[in-house]
Amino acid sequence: MKEFMLLIRTQGDHLAELSPEQQQQHLKKVMTYMGGLMQSGKLNSAQPLDMEGVIISGAAGKLKDGPFNETKEVIAGYFLVQANSLEEAIQIAKENPVFEDGTGARIEVRPIKVMEGING
């Protein structure tokens, strides 16, 4: 099995546009999704990310307010999963309930590169 990082990309705080009831429904769907991944041994970790932060770039460590690029797209959270192939990781990402609420979310699926001497 390989590890894959699933980066949830949204336009700002995608939950802010949902009513409190819709937020609760979304949370329930996400917890069910995560529970299934945990039961199958596919989920290593998952967390939402706060909307504040900075981007550090360049040799001088220039700071840019917010975790935003020019389009206001943010990485709203991540899932670190185990899968046998990129295709399986893509299928795991497609089943994420973030797509069900019409938020325009995208998920970037990236294999974790294993380098000798890092993390053990």
PDB file of N, CA and C in Angstrom:
ATOM      1  N   MET A   1       0.842  -1.190   0.000  1.00  0.00           N
ATOM      2  CA  MET A   1       0.000   0.000   0.000  1.00  0.00           C
ATOM      3  C   MET A   1       0.875   1.236   0.000  1.00  0.00           C
ATOM      4  N   LYS A   2       0.399   2.259  -0.673  1.00  0.00           N
ATOM      5  CA  LYS A   2       1.090   3.545  -0.705  1.00  0.00           C
ATOM      6  C   LYS A   2       0.239   4.577   0.027  1.00  0.00           C
ATOM      7  N   GLU A   3       0.902   5.652   0.458  1.00  0.00           N
ATOM      8  CA  GLU A   3       0.178   6.763   1.076  1.00  0.00           C
ATOM      9  C   GLU A   3      -0.116   7.820   0.019  1.00  0.00           C
ATOM     10  N   PHE A   4      -1.290   8.424   0.162  1.00  0.00           N
ATOM     11  CA  PHE A   4      -1.717   9.503  -0.724  1.00  0.00           C
ATOM     12  C   PHE A   4      -2.264  10.643   0.120  1.00  0.00           C
ATOM     13  N   MET A   5      -1.954  11.873  -0.272  1.00  0.00           N
ATOM     14  CA  MET A   5      -2.497  13.062   0.361  1.00  0.00           C
ATOM     15  C   MET A   5      -3.636  13.570  -0.515  1.00  0.00           C
ATOM     16  N   LEU A   6      -4.814  13.711   0.084  1.00  0.00           N
ATOM     17  CA  LEU A   6      -5.971  14.277  -0.609  1.00  0.00           C
ATOM     18  C   LEU A   6      -6.166  15.684  -0.053  1.00  0.00           C
ATOM     19  N   LEU A   7      -5.907  16.687  -0.865  1.00  0.00           N
ATOM     20  CA  LEU A   7      -6.020  18.080  -0.441  1.00  0.00           C
ATOM     21  C   LEU A   7      -7.368  18.625  -0.893  1.00  0.00           C
ATOM     22  N   ILE A   8      -8.184  19.044   0.060  1.00  0.00           N
ATOM     23  CA  ILE A   8      -9.520  19.578  -0.221  1.00  0.00           C
ATOM     24  C   ILE A   8      -9.362  21.058  -0.537  1.00  0.00           C
ATOM     25  N   ARG A   9      -9.701  21.464  -1.741  1.00  0.00           N
ATOM     26  CA  ARG A   9      -9.590  22.866  -2.167  1.00  0.00           C
ATOM     27  C   ARG A   9     -10.990  23.462  -2.341  1.00  0.00           C
ATOM     28  N   THR A  10     -11.195  24.625  -1.708  1.00  0.00           N
ATOM     29  CA  THR A  10     -12.485  25.312  -1.813  1.00  0.00           C
ATOM     30  C   THR A  10     -12.242  26.803  -2.026  1.00  0.00           C
ATOM     31  N   GLN A  11     -13.305  27.508  -2.332  1.00  0.00           N
ATOM     32  CA  GLN A  11     -13.259  28.962  -2.440  1.00  0.00           C
ATOM     33  C   GLN A  11     -13.617  29.528  -1.067  1.00  0.00           C
ATOM     34  N   GLY A  12     -12.640  29.761  -0.219  1.00  0.00           N
ATOM     35  CA  GLY A  12     -12.896  30.246   1.130  1.00  0.00           C
ATOM     36  C   GLY A  12     -13.499  29.163   1.998  1.00  0.00           C
ATOM     37  N   ASP A  13     -14.222  29.572   3.025  1.00  0.00           N
ATOM     38  CA  ASP A  13     -14.842  28.639   3.965  1.00  0.00           C
ATOM     39  C   ASP A  13     -16.140  28.115   3.358  1.00  0.00           C
ATOM     40  N   HIS A  14     -16.078  26.945   2.742  1.00  0.00           N
ATOM     41  CA  HIS A  14     -17.229  26.391   2.031  1.00  0.00           C
ATOM     42  C   HIS A  14     -18.401  26.083   2.954  1.00  0.00           C
ATOM     43  N   LEU A  15     -18.161  25.858   4.229  1.00  0.00           N
ATOM     44  CA  LEU A  15     -19.250  25.565   5.159  1.00  0.00           C
ATOM     45  C   LEU A  15     -20.013  26.818   5.562  1.00  0.00           C
ATOM     46  N   ALA A  16     -19.380  27.982   5.459  1.00  0.00           N
ATOM     47  CA  ALA A  16     -20.029  29.235   5.856  1.00  0.00           C
ATOM     48  C   ALA A  16     -21.268  29.522   5.010  1.00  0.00           C
ATOM     49  N   GLU A  17     -21.285  28.990   3.799  1.00  0.00           N
ATOM     50  CA  GLU A  17     -22.422  29.227   2.905  1.00  0.00           C
ATOM     51  C   GLU A  17     -23.606  28.300   3.197  1.00  0.00           C
ATOM     52  N   LEU A  18     -23.388  27.312   4.054  1.00  0.00           N
ATOM     53  CA  LEU A  18     -24.453  26.360   4.380  1.00  0.00           C
ATOM     54  C   LEU A  18     -25.192  26.808   5.637  1.00  0.00           C
ATOM     55  N   SER A  19     -26.468  26.491   5.724  1.00  0.00           N
ATOM     56  CA  SER A  19     -27.245  26.777   6.936  1.00  0.00           C
ATOM     57  C   SER A  19     -26.721  25.885   8.061  1.00  0.00           C
ATOM     58  N   PRO A  20     -27.030  26.207   9.326  1.00  0.00           N
ATOM     59  CA  PRO A  20     -26.607  25.334  10.426  1.00  0.00           C
ATOM     60  C   PRO A  20     -27.080  23.888  10.246  1.00  0.00           C
ATOM     61  N   GLU A  21     -28.298  23.710   9.738  1.00  0.00           N
ATOM     62  CA  GLU A  21     -28.809  22.364   9.509  1.00  0.00           C
ATOM     63  C   GLU A  21     -28.009  21.651   8.422  1.00  0.00           C
ATOM     64  N   GLN A  22     -27.694  22.375   7.340  1.00  0.00           N
ATOM     65  CA  GLN A  22     -26.896  21.793   6.254  1.00  0.00           C
ATOM     66  C   GLN A  22     -25.481  21.468   6.743  1.00  0.00           C
ATOM     67  N   GLN A  23     -24.934  22.323   7.607  1.00  0.00           N
ATOM     68  CA  GLN A  23     -23.608  22.053   8.158  1.00  0.00           C
ATOM     69  C   GLN A  23     -23.618  20.760   8.967  1.00  0.00           C
ATOM     70  N   GLN A  24     -24.662  20.549   9.780  1.00  0.00           N
ATOM     71  CA  GLN A  24     -24.777  19.332  10.570  1.00  0.00           C
ATOM     72  C   GLN A  24     -24.936  18.102   9.675  1.00  0.00           C
ATOM     73  N   GLN A  25     -25.738  18.235   8.618  1.00  0.00           N
ATOM     74  CA  GLN A  25     -25.903  17.132   7.672  1.00  0.00           C
ATOM     75  C   GLN A  25     -24.570  16.807   6.991  1.00  0.00           C
ATOM     76  N   HIS A  26     -23.847  17.858   6.604  1.00  0.00           N
ATOM     77  CA  HIS A  26     -22.543  17.661   5.961  1.00  0.00           C
ATOM     78  C   HIS A  26     -21.579  16.960   6.919  1.00  0.00           C
ATOM     79  N   LEU A  27     -21.533  17.413   8.158  1.00  0.00           N
ATOM     80  CA  LEU A  27     -20.640  16.811   9.150  1.00  0.00           C
ATOM     81  C   LEU A  27     -20.966  15.332   9.356  1.00  0.00           C
ATOM     82  N   LYS A  28     -22.247  15.011   9.393  1.00  0.00           N
ATOM     83  CA  LYS A  28     -22.660  13.615   9.558  1.00  0.00           C
ATOM     84  C   LYS A  28     -22.179  12.775   8.379  1.00  0.00           C
ATOM     85  N   LYS A  29     -22.321  13.304   7.154  1.00  0.00           N
ATOM     86  CA  LYS A  29     -21.863  12.581   5.964  1.00  0.00           C
ATOM     87  C   LYS A  29     -20.347  12.380   5.991  1.00  0.00           C
ATOM     88  N   VAL A  30     -19.618  13.417   6.411  1.00  0.00           N
ATOM     89  CA  VAL A  30     -18.159  13.326   6.479  1.00  0.00           C
ATOM     90  C   VAL A  30     -17.739  12.294   7.518  1.00  0.00           C
ATOM     91  N   MET A  31     -18.406  12.287   8.664  1.00  0.00           N
ATOM     92  CA  MET A  31     -18.064  11.322   9.712  1.00  0.00           C
ATOM     93  C   MET A  31     -18.352   9.884   9.249  1.00  0.00           C
ATOM     94  N   THR A  32     -19.433   9.685   8.511  1.00  0.00           N
ATOM     95  CA  THR A  32     -19.744   8.364   7.955  1.00  0.00           C
ATOM     96  C   THR A  32     -18.677   7.957   6.945  1.00  0.00           C
ATOM     97  N   TYR A  33     -18.292   8.891   6.080  1.00  0.00           N
ATOM     98  CA  TYR A  33     -17.235   8.657   5.086  1.00  0.00           C
ATOM     99  C   TYR A  33     -15.929   8.280   5.782  1.00  0.00           C
ATOM    100  N   MET A  34     -15.546   9.050   6.799  1.00  0.00           N
ATOM    101  CA  MET A  34     -14.309   8.773   7.528  1.00  0.00           C
ATOM    102  C   MET A  34     -14.395   7.441   8.271  1.00  0.00           C
ATOM    103  N   GLY A  35     -15.547   7.139   8.836  1.00  0.00           N
ATOM    104  CA  GLY A  35     -15.725   5.869   9.534  1.00  0.00           C
ATOM    105  C   GLY A  35     -15.504   4.685   8.607  1.00  0.00           C
ATOM    106  N   GLY A  36     -16.016   4.775   7.393  1.00  0.00           N
ATOM    107  CA  GLY A  36     -15.810   3.713   6.411  1.00  0.00           C
ATOM    108  C   GLY A  36     -14.342   3.551   6.045  1.00  0.00           C
ATOM    109  N   LEU A  37     -13.654   4.688   5.881  1.00  0.00           N
ATOM    110  CA  LEU A  37     -12.221   4.626   5.569  1.00  0.00           C
ATOM    111  C   LEU A  37     -11.436   4.038   6.735  1.00  0.00           C
ATOM    112  N   MET A  38     -11.825   4.385   7.960  1.00  0.00           N
ATOM    113  CA  MET A  38     -11.137   3.844   9.136  1.00  0.00           C
ATOM    114  C   MET A  38     -11.358   2.334   9.239  1.00  0.00           C
ATOM    115  N   GLN A  39     -12.589   1.891   9.034  1.00  0.00           N
ATOM    116  CA  GLN A  39     -12.902   0.459   9.121  1.00  0.00           C
ATOM    117  C   GLN A  39     -12.122  -0.346   8.089  1.00  0.00           C
ATOM    118  N   SER A  40     -11.911   0.229   6.915  1.00  0.00           N
ATOM    119  CA  SER A  40     -11.194  -0.485   5.857  1.00  0.00           C
ATOM    120  C   SER A  40      -9.678  -0.356   5.986  1.00  0.00           C
ATOM    121  N   GLY A  41      -9.217   0.409   6.989  1.00  0.00           N
ATOM    122  CA  GLY A  41      -7.782   0.587   7.185  1.00  0.00           C
ATOM    123  C   GLY A  41      -7.148   1.539   6.191  1.00  0.00           C
ATOM    124  N   LYS A  42      -7.954   2.352   5.535  1.00  0.00           N
ATOM    125  CA  LYS A  42      -7.449   3.261   4.500  1.00  0.00           C
ATOM    126  C   LYS A  42      -7.104   4.656   5.024  1.00  0.00           C
ATOM    127  N   LEU A  43      -7.655   5.065   6.167  1.00  0.00           N
ATOM    128  CA  LEU A  43      -7.460   6.425   6.659  1.00  0.00           C
ATOM    129  C   LEU A  43      -6.336   6.480   7.689  1.00  0.00           C
ATOM    130  N   ASN A  44      -5.311   7.279   7.390  1.00  0.00           N
ATOM    131  CA  ASN A  44      -4.228   7.518   8.357  1.00  0.00           C
ATOM    132  C   ASN A  44      -4.555   8.710   9.236  1.00  0.00           C
ATOM    133  N   SER A  45      -5.015   9.801   8.621  1.00  0.00           N
ATOM    134  CA  SER A  45      -5.423  10.986   9.372  1.00  0.00           C
ATOM    135  C   SER A  45      -6.224  11.900   8.455  1.00  0.00           C
ATOM    136  N   ALA A  46      -6.958  12.826   9.077  1.00  0.00           N
ATOM    137  CA  ALA A  46      -7.746  13.814   8.339  1.00  0.00           C
ATOM    138  C   ALA A  46      -8.058  14.963   9.289  1.00  0.00           C
ATOM    139  N   GLN A  47      -7.989  16.171   8.790  1.00  0.00           N
ATOM    140  CA  GLN A  47      -8.328  17.344   9.595  1.00  0.00           C
ATOM    141  C   GLN A  47      -8.755  18.480   8.682  1.00  0.00           C
ATOM    142  N   PRO A  48      -9.694  19.307   9.150  1.00  0.00           N
ATOM    143  CA  PRO A  48      -9.954  20.566   8.451  1.00  0.00           C
ATOM    144  C   PRO A  48      -8.832  21.537   8.807  1.00  0.00           C
ATOM    145  N   LEU A  49      -8.648  22.541   7.999  1.00  0.00           N
ATOM    146  CA  LEU A  49      -7.647  23.562   8.278  1.00  0.00           C
ATOM    147  C   LEU A  49      -8.346  24.883   8.559  1.00  0.00           C
ATOM    148  N   ASP A  50      -7.761  25.670   9.455  1.00  0.00           N
ATOM    149  CA  ASP A  50      -8.276  26.989   9.789  1.00  0.00           C
ATOM    150  C   ASP A  50      -8.136  27.901   8.572  1.00  0.00           C
ATOM    151  N   MET A  51      -8.964  28.907   8.476  1.00  0.00           N
ATOM    152  CA  MET A  51      -8.925  29.813   7.338  1.00  0.00           C
ATOM    153  C   MET A  51      -7.813  30.857   7.437  1.00  0.00           C
ATOM    154  N   GLU A  52      -7.185  31.004   8.600  1.00  0.00           N
ATOM    155  CA  GLU A  52      -6.106  31.985   8.694  1.00  0.00           C
ATOM    156  C   GLU A  52      -4.768  31.298   8.465  1.00  0.00           C
ATOM    157  N   GLY A  53      -3.763  32.089   8.136  1.00  0.00           N
ATOM    158  CA  GLY A  53      -2.433  31.565   7.881  1.00  0.00           C
ATOM    159  C   GLY A  53      -1.681  32.497   6.950  1.00  0.00           C
ATOM    160  N   VAL A  54      -0.515  32.092   6.546  1.00  0.00           N
ATOM    161  CA  VAL A  54       0.309  32.889   5.630  1.00  0.00           C
ATOM    162  C   VAL A  54       0.963  31.962   4.621  1.00  0.00           C
ATOM    163  N   ILE A  55       1.392  32.550   3.533  1.00  0.00           N
ATOM    164  CA  ILE A  55       2.209  31.859   2.539  1.00  0.00           C
ATOM    165  C   ILE A  55       3.585  32.497   2.597  1.00  0.00           C
ATOM    166  N   ILE A  56       4.604  31.679   2.753  1.00  0.00           N
ATOM    167  CA  ILE A  56       5.989  32.152   2.801  1.00  0.00           C
ATOM    168  C   ILE A  56       6.630  31.770   1.479  1.00  0.00           C
ATOM    169  N   SER A  57       7.264  32.748   0.824  1.00  0.00           N
ATOM    170  CA  SER A  57       7.867  32.451  -0.472  1.00  0.00           C
ATOM    171  C   SER A  57       9.162  33.224  -0.646  1.00  0.00           C
ATOM    172  N   GLY A  58       9.967  32.759  -1.568  1.00  0.00           N
ATOM    173  CA  GLY A  58      11.194  33.450  -1.932  1.00  0.00           C
ATOM    174  C   GLY A  58      12.324  33.265  -0.940  1.00  0.00           C
ATOM    175  N   ALA A  59      13.506  33.633  -1.368  1.00  0.00           N
ATOM    176  CA  ALA A  59      14.702  33.466  -0.545  1.00  0.00           C
ATOM    177  C   ALA A  59      14.665  34.324   0.710  1.00  0.00           C
ATOM    178  N   ALA A  60      13.964  35.457   0.665  1.00  0.00           N
ATOM    179  CA  ALA A  60      13.911  36.353   1.816  1.00  0.00           C
ATOM    180  C   ALA A  60      12.779  35.995   2.772  1.00  0.00           C
ATOM    181  N   GLY A  61      12.007  34.959   2.466  1.00  0.00           N
ATOM    182  CA  GLY A  61      10.909  34.558   3.340  1.00  0.00           C
ATOM    183  C   GLY A  61       9.775  35.557   3.350  1.00  0.00           C
ATOM    184  N   LYS A  62       9.454  36.128   2.202  1.00  0.00           N
ATOM    185  CA  LYS A  62       8.371  37.106   2.077  1.00  0.00           C
ATOM    186  C   LYS A  62       7.051  36.477   2.505  1.00  0.00           C
ATOM    187  N   LEU A  63       6.259  37.189   3.308  1.00  0.00           N
ATOM    188  CA  LEU A  63       4.978  36.701   3.806  1.00  0.00           C
ATOM    189  C   LEU A  63       3.829  37.288   3.006  1.00  0.00           C
ATOM    190  N   LYS A  64       2.798  36.491   2.836  1.00  0.00           N
ATOM    191  CA  LYS A  64       1.567  36.934   2.190  1.00  0.00           C
ATOM    192  C   LYS A  64       0.428  36.557   3.127  1.00  0.00           C
ATOM    193  N   ASP A  65      -0.425  37.525   3.506  1.00  0.00           N
ATOM    194  CA  ASP A  65      -1.532  37.248   4.432  1.00  0.00           C
ATOM    195  C   ASP A  65      -2.475  36.209   3.865  1.00  0.00           C
ATOM    196  N   GLY A  66      -2.993  35.398   4.781  1.00  0.00           N
ATOM    197  CA  GLY A  66      -3.989  34.397   4.425  1.00  0.00           C
ATOM    198  C   GLY A  66      -3.391  33.222   3.681  1.00  0.00           C
ATOM    199  N   PRO A  67      -4.070  32.107   3.726  1.00  0.00           N
ATOM    200  CA  PRO A  67      -3.604  30.940   2.977  1.00  0.00           C
ATOM    201  C   PRO A  67      -4.116  30.986   1.542  1.00  0.00           C
ATOM    202  N   PHE A  68      -4.287  32.190   0.984  1.00  0.00           N
ATOM    203  CA  PHE A  68      -4.962  32.353  -0.294  1.00  0.00           C
ATOM    204  C   PHE A  68      -3.973  32.655  -1.416  1.00  0.00           C
ATOM    205  N   ASN A  69      -4.308  32.171  -2.603  1.00  0.00           N
ATOM    206  CA  ASN A  69      -3.618  32.657  -3.775  1.00  0.00           C
ATOM    207  C   ASN A  69      -4.525  33.691  -4.425  1.00  0.00           C
ATOM    208  N   GLU A  70      -4.209  34.138  -5.608  1.00  0.00           N
ATOM    209  CA  GLU A  70      -4.969  35.235  -6.221  1.00  0.00           C
ATOM    210  C   GLU A  70      -6.445  34.886  -6.471  1.00  0.00           C
ATOM    211  N   THR A  71      -6.784  33.627  -6.566  1.00  0.00           N
ATOM    212  CA  THR A  71      -8.166  33.250  -6.839  1.00  0.00           C
ATOM    213  C   THR A  71      -8.983  33.052  -5.563  1.00  0.00           C
ATOM    214  N   LYS A  72      -8.381  33.229  -4.403  1.00  0.00           N
ATOM    215  CA  LYS A  72      -9.036  33.031  -3.106  1.00  0.00           C
ATOM    216  C   LYS A  72      -9.327  31.568  -2.814  1.00  0.00           C
ATOM    217  N   GLU A  73      -8.734  30.672  -3.608  1.00  0.00           N
ATOM    218  CA  GLU A  73      -8.875  29.249  -3.324  1.00  0.00           C
ATOM    219  C   GLU A  73      -7.998  28.902  -2.128  1.00  0.00           C
ATOM    220  N   VAL A  74      -8.533  28.073  -1.237  1.00  0.00           N
ATOM    221  CA  VAL A  74      -7.783  27.658  -0.056  1.00  0.00           C
ATOM    222  C   VAL A  74      -7.772  26.140   0.023  1.00  0.00           C
ATOM    223  N   ILE A  75      -6.781  25.625   0.714  1.00  0.00           N
ATOM    224  CA  ILE A  75      -6.795  24.212   1.070  1.00  0.00           C
ATOM    225  C   ILE A  75      -7.544  24.150   2.392  1.00  0.00           C
ATOM    226  N   ALA A  76      -8.759  23.625   2.353  1.00  0.00           N
ATOM    227  CA  ALA A  76      -9.655  23.644   3.506  1.00  0.00           C
ATOM    228  C   ALA A  76      -9.413  22.476   4.451  1.00  0.00           C
ATOM    229  N   GLY A  77      -8.724  21.444   3.984  1.00  0.00           N
ATOM    230  CA  GLY A  77      -8.465  20.285   4.821  1.00  0.00           C
ATOM    231  C   GLY A  77      -7.729  19.228   4.036  1.00  0.00           C
ATOM    232  N   TYR A  78      -7.462  18.128   4.704  1.00  0.00           N
ATOM    233  CA  TYR A  78      -6.734  17.049   4.051  1.00  0.00           C
ATOM    234  C   TYR A  78      -7.163  15.695   4.599  1.00  0.00           C
ATOM    235  N   PHE A  79      -6.913  14.689   3.808  1.00  0.00           N
ATOM    236  CA  PHE A  79      -7.021  13.291   4.208  1.00  0.00           C
ATOM    237  C   PHE A  79      -5.707  12.635   3.815  1.00  0.00           C
ATOM    238  N   LEU A  80      -5.115  11.886   4.713  1.00  0.00           N
ATOM    239  CA  LEU A  80      -3.937  11.082   4.420  1.00  0.00           C
ATOM    240  C   LEU A  80      -4.421   9.645   4.399  1.00  0.00           C
ATOM    241  N   VAL A  81      -4.405   9.028   3.218  1.00  0.00           N
ATOM    242  CA  VAL A  81      -5.001   7.708   3.055  1.00  0.00           C
ATOM    243  C   VAL A  81      -3.995   6.693   2.527  1.00  0.00           C
ATOM    244  N   GLN A  82      -4.333   5.428   2.707  1.00  0.00           N
ATOM    245  CA  GLN A  82      -3.590   4.304   2.152  1.00  0.00           C
ATOM    246  C   GLN A  82      -4.396   3.764   0.974  1.00  0.00           C
ATOM    247  N   ALA A  83      -3.713   3.491  -0.131  1.00  0.00           N
ATOM    248  CA  ALA A  83      -4.377   2.897  -1.285  1.00  0.00           C
ATOM    249  C   ALA A  83      -3.366   2.047  -2.046  1.00  0.00           C
ATOM    250  N   ASN A  84      -3.864   1.097  -2.804  1.00  0.00           N
ATOM    251  CA  ASN A  84      -2.993   0.227  -3.587  1.00  0.00           C
ATOM    252  C   ASN A  84      -2.481   0.889  -4.852  1.00  0.00           C
ATOM    253  N   SER A  85      -3.189   1.932  -5.312  1.00  0.00           N
ATOM    254  CA  SER A  85      -2.818   2.585  -6.565  1.00  0.00           C
ATOM    255  C   SER A  85      -3.373   4.009  -6.588  1.00  0.00           C
ATOM    256  N   LEU A  86      -2.897   4.789  -7.532  1.00  0.00           N
ATOM    257  CA  LEU A  86      -3.439   6.135  -7.730  1.00  0.00           C
ATOM    258  C   LEU A  86      -4.920   6.046  -8.069  1.00  0.00           C
ATOM    259  N   GLU A  87      -5.308   5.075  -8.865  1.00  0.00           N
ATOM    260  CA  GLU A  87      -6.714   4.917  -9.249  1.00  0.00           C
ATOM    261  C   GLU A  87      -7.597   4.678  -8.028  1.00  0.00           C
ATOM    262  N   GLU A  88      -7.108   3.850  -7.089  1.00  0.00           N
ATOM    263  CA  GLU A  88      -7.887   3.611  -5.876  1.00  0.00           C
ATOM    264  C   GLU A  88      -7.982   4.876  -5.029  1.00  0.00           C
ATOM    265  N   ALA A  89      -6.894   5.645  -4.935  1.00  0.00           N
ATOM    266  CA  ALA A  89      -6.914   6.907  -4.188  1.00  0.00           C
ATOM    267  C   ALA A  89      -7.880   7.899  -4.828  1.00  0.00           C
ATOM    268  N   ILE A  90      -7.934   7.914  -6.143  1.00  0.00           N
ATOM    269  CA  ILE A  90      -8.879   8.790  -6.852  1.00  0.00           C
ATOM    270  C   ILE A  90     -10.309   8.379  -6.522  1.00  0.00           C
ATOM    271  N   GLN A  91     -10.587   7.088  -6.487  1.00  0.00           N
ATOM    272  CA  GLN A  91     -11.928   6.614  -6.153  1.00  0.00           C
ATOM    273  C   GLN A  91     -12.306   7.010  -4.729  1.00  0.00           C
ATOM    274  N   ILE A  92     -11.352   6.906  -3.797  1.00  0.00           N
ATOM    275  CA  ILE A  92     -11.596   7.336  -2.415  1.00  0.00           C
ATOM    276  C   ILE A  92     -11.957   8.815  -2.395  1.00  0.00           C
ATOM    277  N   ALA A  93     -11.220   9.622  -3.157  1.00  0.00           N
ATOM    278  CA  ALA A  93     -11.479  11.065  -3.206  1.00  0.00           C
ATOM    279  C   ALA A  93     -12.849  11.361  -3.809  1.00  0.00           C
ATOM    280  N   LYS A  94     -13.226  10.653  -4.851  1.00  0.00           N
ATOM    281  CA  LYS A  94     -14.522  10.882  -5.515  1.00  0.00           C
ATOM    282  C   LYS A  94     -15.699  10.629  -4.586  1.00  0.00           C
ATOM    283  N   GLU A  95     -15.506   9.767  -3.588  1.00  0.00           N
ATOM    284  CA  GLU A  95     -16.585   9.430  -2.657  1.00  0.00           C
ATOM    285  C   GLU A  95     -16.724  10.436  -1.524  1.00  0.00           C
ATOM    286  N   ASN A  96     -15.848  11.435  -1.462  1.00  0.00           N
ATOM    287  CA  ASN A  96     -15.899  12.428  -0.393  1.00  0.00           C
ATOM    288  C   ASN A  96     -17.188  13.243  -0.489  1.00  0.00           C
ATOM    289  N   PRO A  97     -17.926  13.393   0.606  1.00  0.00           N
ATOM    290  CA  PRO A  97     -19.194  14.128   0.568  1.00  0.00           C
ATOM    291  C   PRO A  97     -19.057  15.627   0.303  1.00  0.00           C
ATOM    292  N   VAL A  98     -17.853  16.160   0.260  1.00  0.00           N
ATOM    293  CA  VAL A  98     -17.692  17.587  -0.030  1.00  0.00           C
ATOM    294  C   VAL A  98     -18.270  17.926  -1.411  1.00  0.00           C
ATOM    295  N   PHE A  99     -18.349  16.936  -2.287  1.00  0.00           N
ATOM    296  CA  PHE A  99     -18.891  17.167  -3.629  1.00  0.00           C
ATOM    297  C   PHE A  99     -20.417  17.209  -3.645  1.00  0.00           C
ATOM    298  N   GLU A 100     -21.060  16.759  -2.591  1.00  0.00           N
ATOM    299  CA  GLU A 100     -22.521  16.653  -2.562  1.00  0.00           C
ATOM    300  C   GLU A 100     -23.222  17.962  -2.221  1.00  0.00           C
ATOM    301  N   ASP A 101     -22.513  18.932  -1.704  1.00  0.00           N
ATOM    302  CA  ASP A 101     -23.163  20.139  -1.202  1.00  0.00           C
ATOM    303  C   ASP A 101     -23.055  21.337  -2.144  1.00  0.00           C
ATOM    304  N   GLY A 102     -22.631  21.117  -3.371  1.00  0.00           N
ATOM    305  CA  GLY A 102     -22.595  22.183  -4.357  1.00  0.00           C
ATOM    306  C   GLY A 102     -21.654  23.323  -4.014  1.00  0.00           C
ATOM    307  N   THR A 103     -20.546  23.017  -3.343  1.00  0.00           N
ATOM    308  CA  THR A 103     -19.625  24.068  -2.912  1.00  0.00           C
ATOM    309  C   THR A 103     -18.535  24.361  -3.938  1.00  0.00           C
ATOM    310  N   GLY A 104     -18.486  23.605  -5.016  1.00  0.00           N
ATOM    311  CA  GLY A 104     -17.447  23.814  -6.010  1.00  0.00           C
ATOM    312  C   GLY A 104     -16.082  23.329  -5.542  1.00  0.00           C
ATOM    313  N   ALA A 105     -16.072  22.448  -4.568  1.00  0.00           N
ATOM    314  CA  ALA A 105     -14.815  21.936  -4.019  1.00  0.00           C
ATOM    315  C   ALA A 105     -14.092  21.085  -5.058  1.00  0.00           C
ATOM    316  N   ARG A 106     -12.773  21.033  -4.889  1.00  0.00           N
ATOM    317  CA  ARG A 106     -11.925  20.156  -5.697  1.00  0.00           C
ATOM    318  C   ARG A 106     -11.016  19.403  -4.740  1.00  0.00           C
ATOM    319  N   ILE A 107     -10.622  18.206  -5.113  1.00  0.00           N
ATOM    320  CA  ILE A 107      -9.673  17.446  -4.311  1.00  0.00           C
ATOM    321  C   ILE A 107      -8.468  17.111  -5.174  1.00  0.00           C
ATOM    322  N   GLU A 108      -7.309  17.506  -4.688  1.00  0.00           N
ATOM    323  CA  GLU A 108      -6.048  17.167  -5.350  1.00  0.00           C
ATOM    324  C   GLU A 108      -5.540  15.875  -4.719  1.00  0.00           C
ATOM    325  N   VAL A 109      -5.246  14.877  -5.532  1.00  0.00           N
ATOM    326  CA  VAL A 109      -4.769  13.579  -5.071  1.00  0.00           C
ATOM    327  C   VAL A 109      -3.286  13.477  -5.426  1.00  0.00           C
ATOM    328  N   ARG A 110      -2.454  13.323  -4.395  1.00  0.00           N
ATOM    329  CA  ARG A 110      -1.005  13.279  -4.614  1.00  0.00           C
ATOM    330  C   ARG A 110      -0.394  12.086  -3.895  1.00  0.00           C
ATOM    331  N   PRO A 111       0.388  11.272  -4.609  1.00  0.00           N
ATOM    332  CA  PRO A 111       1.112  10.193  -3.926  1.00  0.00           C
ATOM    333  C   PRO A 111       2.199  10.787  -3.033  1.00  0.00           C
ATOM    334  N   ILE A 112       2.413  10.172  -1.883  1.00  0.00           N
ATOM    335  CA  ILE A 112       3.494  10.580  -0.991  1.00  0.00           C
ATOM    336  C   ILE A 112       4.767   9.906  -1.493  1.00  0.00           C
ATOM    337  N   LYS A 113       5.775  10.702  -1.753  1.00  0.00           N
ATOM    338  CA  LYS A 113       7.056  10.156  -2.209  1.00  0.00           C
ATOM    339  C   LYS A 113       7.832   9.691  -0.984  1.00  0.00           C
ATOM    340  N   VAL A 114       8.269   8.445  -1.005  1.00  0.00           N
ATOM    341  CA  VAL A 114       9.031   7.896   0.099  1.00  0.00           C
ATOM    342  C   VAL A 114      10.519   8.126  -0.189  1.00  0.00           C
ATOM    343  N   MET A 115      11.162   8.830   0.735  1.00  0.00           N
ATOM    344  CA  MET A 115      12.602   9.095   0.591  1.00  0.00           C
ATOM    345  C   MET A 115      13.334   8.467   1.763  1.00  0.00           C
ATOM    346  N   GLU A 116      14.355   7.704   1.469  1.00  0.00           N
ATOM    347  CA  GLU A 116      15.162   7.034   2.468  1.00  0.00           C
ATOM    348  C   GLU A 116      15.719   8.049   3.465  1.00  0.00           C
ATOM    349  N   GLY A 117      15.619   7.751   4.755  1.00  0.00           N
ATOM    350  CA  GLY A 117      16.195   8.611   5.785  1.00  0.00           C
ATOM    351  C   GLY A 117      15.250   9.668   6.333  1.00  0.00           C
ATOM    352  N   ILE A 118      14.049   9.803   5.741  1.00  0.00           N
ATOM    353  CA  ILE A 118      13.070  10.773   6.248  1.00  0.00           C
ATOM    354  C   ILE A 118      12.004   9.992   6.990  1.00  0.00           C
ATOM    355  N   ASN A 119      11.672  10.439   8.197  1.00  0.00           N
ATOM    356  CA  ASN A 119      10.654   9.776   9.036  1.00  0.00           C
ATOM    357  C   ASN A 119      10.993   8.321   9.314  1.00  0.00           C
ATOM    358  N   GLY A 120      12.209   8.070   9.659  1.00  0.00           N
ATOM    359  CA  GLY A 120      12.574   6.722  10.063  1.00  0.00           C
ATOM    360  C   GLY A 120      13.340   6.049   9.049  1.00  0.00           C
TER     361      GLY A 120
END
